[in-house]
Amino acid sequence: MKRVLLSLALFAMVGFAKAEIPMVNATCPGGIDVHADEGGPIYINGEEGKLKTLNENQYEATGGGITISLSIDRDGTPSVSYSSKDGANGVCEMTED
C-alpha cells in the first residue's frame, strides 16, 4: 500500500514539471518583434497572436500573416523562428528587452 501511495505521489509531482512559455523578447528579420510574457501569450509586433500548443516544448503564434515558432530546449533555453505568408522565413535573434 505504501508503494502505491508513493508511486501516486511521484506521478502527481511529474505532472507539475510541465514547461510553459518563458518570458521571451526577440527580433526577426524584416523588422518583426516578438514578445512573450511567462505563461503566454505571444505578441507579434505588439499584437497578440493566436496561440497553438504543439507540445509542452513547442508553440506557434500566428498574426498579421506571420507565424512565430517558439521551441524550448531541454535546458530551458528558448529559440524563436518565423515564417510569413510571402514565403520569408528565418531564425530570430533573442534580445534583452
PDB file of N, CA and C in Angstrom:
ATOM      1  N   MET A   1       0.816  -1.191   0.000  1.00  0.00           N
ATOM      2  CA  MET A   1       0.000   0.000   0.000  1.00  0.00           C
ATOM      3  C   MET A   1       0.866   1.264   0.000  1.00  0.00           C
ATOM      4  N   LYS A   2       1.955   1.232   0.792  1.00  0.00           N
ATOM      5  CA  LYS A   2       2.850   2.384   0.829  1.00  0.00           C
ATOM      6  C   LYS A   2       3.473   2.632  -0.537  1.00  0.00           C
ATOM      7  N   ARG A   3       3.793   1.544  -1.236  1.00  0.00           N
ATOM      8  CA  ARG A   3       4.374   1.674  -2.567  1.00  0.00           C
ATOM      9  C   ARG A   3       3.412   2.354  -3.530  1.00  0.00           C
ATOM     10  N   VAL A   4       2.161   1.980  -3.460  1.00  0.00           N
ATOM     11  CA  VAL A   4       1.148   2.574  -4.332  1.00  0.00           C
ATOM     12  C   VAL A   4       1.008   4.063  -4.043  1.00  0.00           C
ATOM     13  N   LEU A   5       0.946   4.429  -2.774  1.00  0.00           N
ATOM     14  CA  LEU A   5       0.828   5.839  -2.409  1.00  0.00           C
ATOM     15  C   LEU A   5       2.054   6.630  -2.839  1.00  0.00           C
ATOM     16  N   LEU A   6       3.228   6.056  -2.671  1.00  0.00           N
ATOM     17  CA  LEU A   6       4.455   6.718  -3.093  1.00  0.00           C
ATOM     18  C   LEU A   6       4.467   6.901  -4.603  1.00  0.00           C
ATOM     19  N   SER A   7       4.063   5.879  -5.327  1.00  0.00           N
ATOM     20  CA  SER A   7       4.006   5.963  -6.789  1.00  0.00           C
ATOM     21  C   SER A   7       3.040   7.047  -7.238  1.00  0.00           C
ATOM     22  N   LEU A   8       1.883   7.118  -6.613  1.00  0.00           N
ATOM     23  CA  LEU A   8       0.911   8.150  -6.964  1.00  0.00           C
ATOM     24  C   LEU A   8       1.443   9.544  -6.662  1.00  0.00           C
ATOM     25  N   ALA A   9       2.129   9.695  -5.547  1.00  0.00           N
ATOM     26  CA  ALA A   9       2.702  10.993  -5.193  1.00  0.00           C
ATOM     27  C   ALA A   9       3.764  11.413  -6.203  1.00  0.00           C
ATOM     28  N   LEU A  10       4.626  10.503  -6.596  1.00  0.00           N
ATOM     29  CA  LEU A  10       5.655  10.817  -7.589  1.00  0.00           C
ATOM     30  C   LEU A  10       5.036  11.143  -8.937  1.00  0.00           C
ATOM     31  N   PHE A  11       4.023  10.406  -9.324  1.00  0.00           N
ATOM     32  CA  PHE A  11       3.343  10.654 -10.593  1.00  0.00           C
ATOM     33  C   PHE A  11       2.705  12.041 -10.592  1.00  0.00           C
ATOM     34  N   ALA A  12       2.113  12.430  -9.490  1.00  0.00           N
ATOM     35  CA  ALA A  12       1.494  13.752  -9.382  1.00  0.00           C
ATOM     36  C   ALA A  12       2.542  14.853  -9.491  1.00  0.00           C
ATOM     37  N   MET A  13       3.713  14.652  -8.906  1.00  0.00           N
ATOM     38  CA  MET A  13       4.774  15.648  -8.972  1.00  0.00           C
ATOM     39  C   MET A  13       5.299  15.799 -10.382  1.00  0.00           C
ATOM     40  N   VAL A  14       5.373  14.727 -11.139  1.00  0.00           N
ATOM     41  CA  VAL A  14       5.833  14.793 -12.524  1.00  0.00           C
ATOM     42  C   VAL A  14       4.895  15.661 -13.341  1.00  0.00           C
ATOM     43  N   GLY A  15       3.622  15.611 -13.064  1.00  0.00           N
ATOM     44  CA  GLY A  15       2.654  16.431 -13.778  1.00  0.00           C
ATOM     45  C   GLY A  15       2.909  17.916 -13.622  1.00  0.00           C
ATOM     46  N   PHE A  16       3.490  18.335 -12.499  1.00  0.00           N
ATOM     47  CA  PHE A  16       3.775  19.738 -12.277  1.00  0.00           C
ATOM     48  C   PHE A  16       5.036  20.201 -12.995  1.00  0.00           C
ATOM     49  N   ALA A  17       5.802  19.310 -13.590  1.00  0.00           N
ATOM     50  CA  ALA A  17       7.043  19.670 -14.268  1.00  0.00           C
ATOM     51  C   ALA A  17       6.808  20.162 -15.689  1.00  0.00           C
ATOM     52  N   LYS A  18       5.574  20.314 -16.094  1.00  0.00           N
ATOM     53  CA  LYS A  18       5.237  20.732 -17.450  1.00  0.00           C
ATOM     54  C   LYS A  18       5.842  22.101 -17.755  1.00  0.00           C
ATOM     55  N   ALA A  19       6.424  22.241 -18.928  1.00  0.00           N
ATOM     56  CA  ALA A  19       7.019  23.503 -19.346  1.00  0.00           C
ATOM     57  C   ALA A  19       5.922  24.481 -19.760  1.00  0.00           C
ATOM     58  N   GLU A  20       6.197  25.752 -19.567  1.00  0.00           N
ATOM     59  CA  GLU A  20       5.300  26.804 -20.005  1.00  0.00           C
ATOM     60  C   GLU A  20       6.089  27.764 -20.872  1.00  0.00           C
ATOM     61  N   ILE A  21       5.370  28.654 -21.514  1.00  0.00           N
ATOM     62  CA  ILE A  21       6.020  29.674 -22.321  1.00  0.00           C
ATOM     63  C   ILE A  21       6.870  30.547 -21.393  1.00  0.00           C
ATOM     64  N   PRO A  22       8.163  30.687 -21.700  1.00  0.00           N
ATOM     65  CA  PRO A  22       9.012  31.553 -20.877  1.00  0.00           C
ATOM     66  C   PRO A  22       8.893  33.005 -21.337  1.00  0.00           C
ATOM     67  N   MET A  23       9.427  33.921 -20.550  1.00  0.00           N
ATOM     68  CA  MET A  23       9.498  35.308 -20.997  1.00  0.00           C
ATOM     69  C   MET A  23      10.519  35.378 -22.120  1.00  0.00           C
ATOM     70  N   VAL A  24      10.105  35.930 -23.253  1.00  0.00           N
ATOM     71  CA  VAL A  24      10.954  35.962 -24.446  1.00  0.00           C
ATOM     72  C   VAL A  24      10.823  37.324 -25.115  1.00  0.00           C
ATOM     73  N   ASN A  25      11.948  37.845 -25.571  1.00  0.00           N
ATOM     74  CA  ASN A  25      11.995  39.014 -26.439  1.00  0.00           C
ATOM     75  C   ASN A  25      12.922  38.666 -27.581  1.00  0.00           C
ATOM     76  N   ALA A  26      12.447  38.855 -28.810  1.00  0.00           N
ATOM     77  CA  ALA A  26      13.258  38.513 -29.976  1.00  0.00           C
ATOM     78  C   ALA A  26      12.944  39.468 -31.119  1.00  0.00           C
ATOM     79  N   THR A  27      13.931  39.627 -31.993  1.00  0.00           N
ATOM     80  CA  THR A  27      13.765  40.402 -33.215  1.00  0.00           C
ATOM     81  C   THR A  27      14.052  39.483 -34.383  1.00  0.00           C
ATOM     82  N   CYS A  28      13.131  39.477 -35.339  1.00  0.00           N
ATOM     83  CA  CYS A  28      13.264  38.620 -36.515  1.00  0.00           C
ATOM     84  C   CYS A  28      13.580  39.482 -37.728  1.00  0.00           C
ATOM     85  N   PRO A  29      14.210  38.902 -38.759  1.00  0.00           N
ATOM     86  CA  PRO A  29      14.460  39.656 -39.984  1.00  0.00           C
ATOM     87  C   PRO A  29      13.162  40.266 -40.523  1.00  0.00           C
ATOM     88  N   GLY A  30      13.289  41.417 -41.157  1.00  0.00           N
ATOM     89  CA  GLY A  30      12.109  42.094 -41.688  1.00  0.00           C
ATOM     90  C   GLY A  30      11.436  42.994 -40.666  1.00  0.00           C
ATOM     91  N   GLY A  31      12.109  43.218 -39.521  1.00  0.00           N
ATOM     92  CA  GLY A  31      11.567  44.112 -38.505  1.00  0.00           C
ATOM     93  C   GLY A  31      10.420  43.535 -37.704  1.00  0.00           C
ATOM     94  N   ILE A  32      10.405  42.229 -37.525  1.00  0.00           N
ATOM     95  CA  ILE A  32       9.351  41.566 -36.757  1.00  0.00           C
ATOM     96  C   ILE A  32       9.799  41.466 -35.301  1.00  0.00           C
ATOM     97  N   ASP A  33       9.011  42.046 -34.410  1.00  0.00           N
ATOM     98  CA  ASP A  33       9.306  41.982 -32.982  1.00  0.00           C
ATOM     99  C   ASP A  33       8.411  40.948 -32.320  1.00  0.00           C
ATOM    100  N   VAL A  34       9.015  40.125 -31.464  1.00  0.00           N
ATOM    101  CA  VAL A  34       8.294  39.065 -30.764  1.00  0.00           C
ATOM    102  C   VAL A  34       8.490  39.259 -29.265  1.00  0.00           C
ATOM    103  N   HIS A  35       7.390  39.161 -28.528  1.00  0.00           N
ATOM    104  CA  HIS A  35       7.451  39.249 -27.071  1.00  0.00           C
ATOM    105  C   HIS A  35       6.484  38.236 -26.486  1.00  0.00           C
ATOM    106  N   ALA A  36       6.921  37.569 -25.440  1.00  0.00           N
ATOM    107  CA  ALA A  36       6.036  36.672 -24.690  1.00  0.00           C
ATOM    108  C   ALA A  36       6.299  36.872 -23.211  1.00  0.00           C
ATOM    109  N   ASP A  37       5.232  37.004 -22.455  1.00  0.00           N
ATOM    110  CA  ASP A  37       5.340  37.012 -21.001  1.00  0.00           C
ATOM    111  C   ASP A  37       5.366  35.567 -20.534  1.00  0.00           C
ATOM    112  N   GLU A  38       5.912  35.328 -19.358  1.00  0.00           N
ATOM    113  CA  GLU A  38       5.946  33.973 -18.821  1.00  0.00           C
ATOM    114  C   GLU A  38       4.522  33.426 -18.731  1.00  0.00           C
ATOM    115  N   GLY A  39       4.299  32.277 -19.341  1.00  0.00           N
ATOM    116  CA  GLY A  39       2.974  31.666 -19.372  1.00  0.00           C
ATOM    117  C   GLY A  39       2.146  32.069 -20.577  1.00  0.00           C
ATOM    118  N   GLY A  40       2.627  33.036 -21.383  1.00  0.00           N
ATOM    119  CA  GLY A  40       1.924  33.468 -22.586  1.00  0.00           C
ATOM    120  C   GLY A  40       1.122  34.722 -22.319  1.00  0.00           C
ATOM    121  N   PRO A  41       0.554  35.307 -23.322  1.00  0.00           N
ATOM    122  CA  PRO A  41       0.538  34.951 -24.732  1.00  0.00           C
ATOM    123  C   PRO A  41       1.811  35.392 -25.447  1.00  0.00           C
ATOM    124  N   ILE A  42       1.841  35.169 -26.766  1.00  0.00           N
ATOM    125  CA  ILE A  42       2.950  35.613 -27.610  1.00  0.00           C
ATOM    126  C   ILE A  42       2.448  36.784 -28.444  1.00  0.00           C
ATOM    127  N   TYR A  43       3.216  37.878 -28.435  1.00  0.00           N
ATOM    128  CA  TYR A  43       2.862  39.071 -29.201  1.00  0.00           C
ATOM    129  C   TYR A  43       3.760  39.173 -30.429  1.00  0.00           C
ATOM    130  N   ILE A  44       3.153  39.499 -31.560  1.00  0.00           N
ATOM    131  CA  ILE A  44       3.869  39.706 -32.817  1.00  0.00           C
ATOM    132  C   ILE A  44       3.669  41.165 -33.200  1.00  0.00           C
ATOM    133  N   ASN A  45       4.755  41.937 -33.221  1.00  0.00           N
ATOM    134  CA  ASN A  45       4.690  43.374 -33.491  1.00  0.00           C
ATOM    135  C   ASN A  45       3.643  44.063 -32.621  1.00  0.00           C
ATOM    136  N   GLY A  46       3.580  43.680 -31.354  1.00  0.00           N
ATOM    137  CA  GLY A  46       2.687  44.323 -30.405  1.00  0.00           C
ATOM    138  C   GLY A  46       1.259  43.813 -30.389  1.00  0.00           C
ATOM    139  N   GLU A  47       0.912  42.925 -31.303  1.00  0.00           N
ATOM    140  CA  GLU A  47      -0.440  42.369 -31.366  1.00  0.00           C
ATOM    141  C   GLU A  47      -0.425  40.928 -30.868  1.00  0.00           C
ATOM    142  N   GLU A  48      -1.399  40.568 -30.054  1.00  0.00           N
ATOM    143  CA  GLU A  48      -1.468  39.207 -29.532  1.00  0.00           C
ATOM    144  C   GLU A  48      -1.738  38.221 -30.659  1.00  0.00           C
ATOM    145  N   GLY A  49      -0.869  37.209 -30.759  1.00  0.00           N
ATOM    146  CA  GLY A  49      -1.039  36.180 -31.781  1.00  0.00           C
ATOM    147  C   GLY A  49      -1.978  35.082 -31.316  1.00  0.00           C
ATOM    148  N   LYS A  50      -2.529  34.376 -32.286  1.00  0.00           N
ATOM    149  CA  LYS A  50      -3.372  33.218 -31.970  1.00  0.00           C
ATOM    150  C   LYS A  50      -2.441  32.064 -31.628  1.00  0.00           C
ATOM    151  N   LEU A  51      -2.515  31.592 -30.396  1.00  0.00           N
ATOM    152  CA  LEU A  51      -1.562  30.611 -29.875  1.00  0.00           C
ATOM    153  C   LEU A  51      -2.030  29.187 -30.120  1.00  0.00           C
ATOM    154  N   LYS A  52      -1.087  28.362 -30.552  1.00  0.00           N
ATOM    155  CA  LYS A  52      -1.329  26.930 -30.732  1.00  0.00           C
ATOM    156  C   LYS A  52      -0.213  26.194 -29.997  1.00  0.00           C
ATOM    157  N   THR A  53      -0.583  25.283 -29.110  1.00  0.00           N
ATOM    158  CA  THR A  53       0.397  24.472 -28.388  1.00  0.00           C
ATOM    159  C   THR A  53       0.602  23.177 -29.156  1.00  0.00           C
ATOM    160  N   LEU A  54       1.820  22.954 -29.646  1.00  0.00           N
ATOM    161  CA  LEU A  54       2.131  21.731 -30.385  1.00  0.00           C
ATOM    162  C   LEU A  54       2.463  20.601 -29.427  1.00  0.00           C
ATOM    163  N   ASN A  55       3.233  20.911 -28.403  1.00  0.00           N
ATOM    164  CA  ASN A  55       3.512  20.001 -27.291  1.00  0.00           C
ATOM    165  C   ASN A  55       4.023  20.867 -26.148  1.00  0.00           C
ATOM    166  N   GLU A  56       4.466  20.267 -25.066  1.00  0.00           N
ATOM    167  CA  GLU A  56       4.842  21.070 -23.902  1.00  0.00           C
ATOM    168  C   GLU A  56       6.100  21.904 -24.106  1.00  0.00           C
ATOM    169  N   ASN A  57       6.799  21.717 -25.227  1.00  0.00           N
ATOM    170  CA  ASN A  57       8.017  22.486 -25.501  1.00  0.00           C
ATOM    171  C   ASN A  57       7.979  23.240 -26.822  1.00  0.00           C
ATOM    172  N   GLN A  58       6.860  23.198 -27.536  1.00  0.00           N
ATOM    173  CA  GLN A  58       6.772  23.876 -28.828  1.00  0.00           C
ATOM    174  C   GLN A  58       5.424  24.569 -28.962  1.00  0.00           C
ATOM    175  N   TYR A  59       5.501  25.841 -29.365  1.00  0.00           N
ATOM    176  CA  TYR A  59       4.311  26.668 -29.510  1.00  0.00           C
ATOM    177  C   TYR A  59       4.385  27.414 -30.831  1.00  0.00           C
ATOM    178  N   GLU A  60       3.223  27.739 -31.388  1.00  0.00           N
ATOM    179  CA  GLU A  60       3.139  28.583 -32.569  1.00  0.00           C
ATOM    180  C   GLU A  60       2.131  29.683 -32.305  1.00  0.00           C
ATOM    181  N   ALA A  61       2.469  30.876 -32.773  1.00  0.00           N
ATOM    182  CA  ALA A  61       1.548  32.003 -32.695  1.00  0.00           C
ATOM    183  C   ALA A  61       1.446  32.598 -34.088  1.00  0.00           C
ATOM    184  N   THR A  62       0.227  32.903 -34.518  1.00  0.00           N
ATOM    185  CA  THR A  62       0.020  33.488 -35.837  1.00  0.00           C
ATOM    186  C   THR A  62      -0.690  34.823 -35.700  1.00  0.00           C
ATOM    187  N   GLY A  63      -0.351  35.717 -36.611  1.00  0.00           N
ATOM    188  CA  GLY A  63      -0.990  37.023 -36.648  1.00  0.00           C
ATOM    189  C   GLY A  63      -0.352  37.885 -37.711  1.00  0.00           C
ATOM    190  N   GLY A  64      -1.167  38.631 -38.438  1.00  0.00           N
ATOM    191  CA  GLY A  64      -0.659  39.538 -39.457  1.00  0.00           C
ATOM    192  C   GLY A  64       0.092  38.841 -40.568  1.00  0.00           C
ATOM    193  N   GLY A  65      -0.281  37.613 -40.897  1.00  0.00           N
ATOM    194  CA  GLY A  65       0.390  36.870 -41.961  1.00  0.00           C
ATOM    195  C   GLY A  65       1.734  36.292 -41.558  1.00  0.00           C
ATOM    196  N   ILE A  66       2.024  36.283 -40.266  1.00  0.00           N
ATOM    197  CA  ILE A  66       3.301  35.782 -39.748  1.00  0.00           C
ATOM    198  C   ILE A  66       3.027  34.643 -38.769  1.00  0.00           C
ATOM    199  N   THR A  67       3.848  33.606 -38.848  1.00  0.00           N
ATOM    200  CA  THR A  67       3.799  32.519 -37.874  1.00  0.00           C
ATOM    201  C   THR A  67       5.106  32.516 -37.098  1.00  0.00           C
ATOM    202  N   ILE A  68       4.991  32.592 -35.796  1.00  0.00           N
ATOM    203  CA  ILE A  68       6.148  32.535 -34.904  1.00  0.00           C
ATOM    204  C   ILE A  68       6.191  31.151 -34.276  1.00  0.00           C
ATOM    205  N   SER A  69       7.350  30.510 -34.323  1.00  0.00           N
ATOM    206  CA  SER A  69       7.548  29.210 -33.684  1.00  0.00           C
ATOM    207  C   SER A  69       8.478  29.396 -32.494  1.00  0.00           C
ATOM    208  N   LEU A  70       8.021  28.971 -31.330  1.00  0.00           N
ATOM    209  CA  LEU A  70       8.811  29.052 -30.102  1.00  0.00           C
ATOM    210  C   LEU A  70       9.093  27.642 -29.632  1.00  0.00           C
ATOM    211  N   SER A  71      10.384  27.307 -29.526  1.00  0.00           N
ATOM    212  CA  SER A  71      10.806  25.994 -29.036  1.00  0.00           C
ATOM    213  C   SER A  71      11.595  26.184 -27.755  1.00  0.00           C
ATOM    214  N   ILE A  72      11.414  25.261 -26.823  1.00  0.00           N
ATOM    215  CA  ILE A  72      12.141  25.315 -25.560  1.00  0.00           C
ATOM    216  C   ILE A  72      12.999  24.065 -25.457  1.00  0.00           C
ATOM    217  N   ASP A  73      14.326  24.265 -25.401  1.00  0.00           N
ATOM    218  CA  ASP A  73      15.257  23.143 -25.293  1.00  0.00           C
ATOM    219  C   ASP A  73      15.136  22.473 -23.933  1.00  0.00           C
ATOM    220  N   ARG A  74      15.754  21.310 -23.807  1.00  0.00           N
ATOM    221  CA  ARG A  74      15.705  20.560 -22.541  1.00  0.00           C
ATOM    222  C   ARG A  74      16.248  21.350 -21.364  1.00  0.00           C
ATOM    223  N   ASP A  75      17.220  22.228 -21.637  1.00  0.00           N
ATOM    224  CA  ASP A  75      17.797  23.030 -20.550  1.00  0.00           C
ATOM    225  C   ASP A  75      16.993  24.302 -20.268  1.00  0.00           C
ATOM    226  N   GLY A  76      15.869  24.482 -20.970  1.00  0.00           N
ATOM    227  CA  GLY A  76      15.004  25.633 -20.750  1.00  0.00           C
ATOM    228  C   GLY A  76      15.290  26.819 -21.643  1.00  0.00           C
ATOM    229  N   THR A  77      16.286  26.702 -22.524  1.00  0.00           N
ATOM    230  CA  THR A  77      16.644  27.791 -23.419  1.00  0.00           C
ATOM    231  C   THR A  77      15.627  27.904 -24.554  1.00  0.00           C
ATOM    232  N   PRO A  78      15.024  29.089 -24.731  1.00  0.00           N
ATOM    233  CA  PRO A  78      14.067  29.257 -25.823  1.00  0.00           C
ATOM    234  C   PRO A  78      14.757  29.609 -27.134  1.00  0.00           C
ATOM    235  N   SER A  79      14.140  29.238 -28.235  1.00  0.00           N
ATOM    236  CA  SER A  79      14.574  29.681 -29.554  1.00  0.00           C
ATOM    237  C   SER A  79      13.325  30.049 -30.345  1.00  0.00           C
ATOM    238  N   VAL A  80      13.469  31.061 -31.203  1.00  0.00           N
ATOM    239  CA  VAL A  80      12.334  31.601 -31.947  1.00  0.00           C
ATOM    240  C   VAL A  80      12.684  31.637 -33.425  1.00  0.00           C
ATOM    241  N   SER A  81      11.738  31.231 -34.255  1.00  0.00           N
ATOM    242  CA  SER A  81      11.868  31.362 -35.702  1.00  0.00           C
ATOM    243  C   SER A  81      10.541  31.875 -36.243  1.00  0.00           C
ATOM    244  N   TYR A  82      10.549  32.260 -37.528  1.00  0.00           N
ATOM    245  CA  TYR A  82       9.334  32.821 -38.107  1.00  0.00           C
ATOM    246  C   TYR A  82       9.176  32.364 -39.545  1.00  0.00           C
ATOM    247  N   SER A  83       7.963  32.458 -40.037  1.00  0.00           N
ATOM    248  CA  SER A  83       7.674  32.325 -41.465  1.00  0.00           C
ATOM    249  C   SER A  83       6.527  33.279 -41.763  1.00  0.00           C
ATOM    250  N   SER A  84       6.511  33.776 -42.998  1.00  0.00           N
ATOM    251  CA  SER A  84       5.451  34.711 -43.371  1.00  0.00           C
ATOM    252  C   SER A  84       4.707  34.181 -44.580  1.00  0.00           C
ATOM    253  N   LYS A  85       3.544  34.761 -44.834  1.00  0.00           N
ATOM    254  CA  LYS A  85       2.711  34.277 -45.930  1.00  0.00           C
ATOM    255  C   LYS A  85       3.359  34.497 -47.294  1.00  0.00           C
ATOM    256  N   ASP A  86       4.342  35.404 -47.379  1.00  0.00           N
ATOM    257  CA  ASP A  86       5.023  35.617 -48.660  1.00  0.00           C
ATOM    258  C   ASP A  86       6.223  34.689 -48.848  1.00  0.00           C
ATOM    259  N   GLY A  87       6.426  33.755 -47.907  1.00  0.00           N
ATOM    260  CA  GLY A  87       7.480  32.750 -48.043  1.00  0.00           C
ATOM    261  C   GLY A  87       8.766  33.058 -47.304  1.00  0.00           C
ATOM    262  N   ALA A  88       8.875  34.246 -46.726  1.00  0.00           N
ATOM    263  CA  ALA A  88      10.074  34.573 -45.955  1.00  0.00           C
ATOM    264  C   ALA A  88      10.091  33.739 -44.678  1.00  0.00           C
ATOM    265  N   ASN A  89      11.294  33.366 -44.242  1.00  0.00           N
ATOM    266  CA  ASN A  89      11.428  32.605 -43.001  1.00  0.00           C
ATOM    267  C   ASN A  89      12.836  32.757 -42.475  1.00  0.00           C
ATOM    268  N   GLY A  90      13.024  32.458 -41.214  1.00  0.00           N
ATOM    269  CA  GLY A  90      14.355  32.546 -40.642  1.00  0.00           C
ATOM    270  C   GLY A  90      14.347  32.390 -39.140  1.00  0.00           C
ATOM    271  N   VAL A  91      15.533  32.526 -38.584  1.00  0.00           N
ATOM    272  CA  VAL A  91      15.739  32.411 -37.142  1.00  0.00           C
ATOM    273  C   VAL A  91      15.773  33.817 -36.560  1.00  0.00           C
ATOM    274  N   CYS A  92      15.129  33.989 -35.432  1.00  0.00           N
ATOM    275  CA  CYS A  92      15.062  35.287 -34.770  1.00  0.00           C
ATOM    276  C   CYS A  92      16.170  35.397 -33.725  1.00  0.00           C
ATOM    277  N   GLU A  93      16.595  36.624 -33.488  1.00  0.00           N
ATOM    278  CA  GLU A  93      17.655  36.885 -32.512  1.00  0.00           C
ATOM    279  C   GLU A  93      17.032  37.258 -31.176  1.00  0.00           C
ATOM    280  N   MET A  94      17.464  36.574 -30.130  1.00  0.00           N
ATOM    281  CA  MET A  94      16.967  36.867 -28.787  1.00  0.00           C
ATOM    282  C   MET A  94      17.541  38.206 -28.335  1.00  0.00           C
ATOM    283  N   THR A  95      16.702  39.032 -27.700  1.00  0.00           N
ATOM    284  CA  THR A  95      17.134  40.332 -27.200  1.00  0.00           C
ATOM    285  C   THR A  95      16.893  40.403 -25.699  1.00  0.00           C
ATOM    286  N   GLU A  96      17.440  41.424 -25.068  1.00  0.00           N
ATOM    287  CA  GLU A  96      17.340  41.578 -23.618  1.00  0.00           C
ATOM    288  C   GLU A  96      16.144  42.412 -23.191  1.00  0.00           C
ATOM    289  N   ASP A  97      15.443  43.037 -24.107  1.00  0.00           N
ATOM    290  CA  ASP A  97      14.336  43.953 -23.764  1.00  0.00           C
ATOM    291  C   ASP A  97      13.343  43.324 -22.845  1.00  0.00           C
TER     292      ASP A  97
END
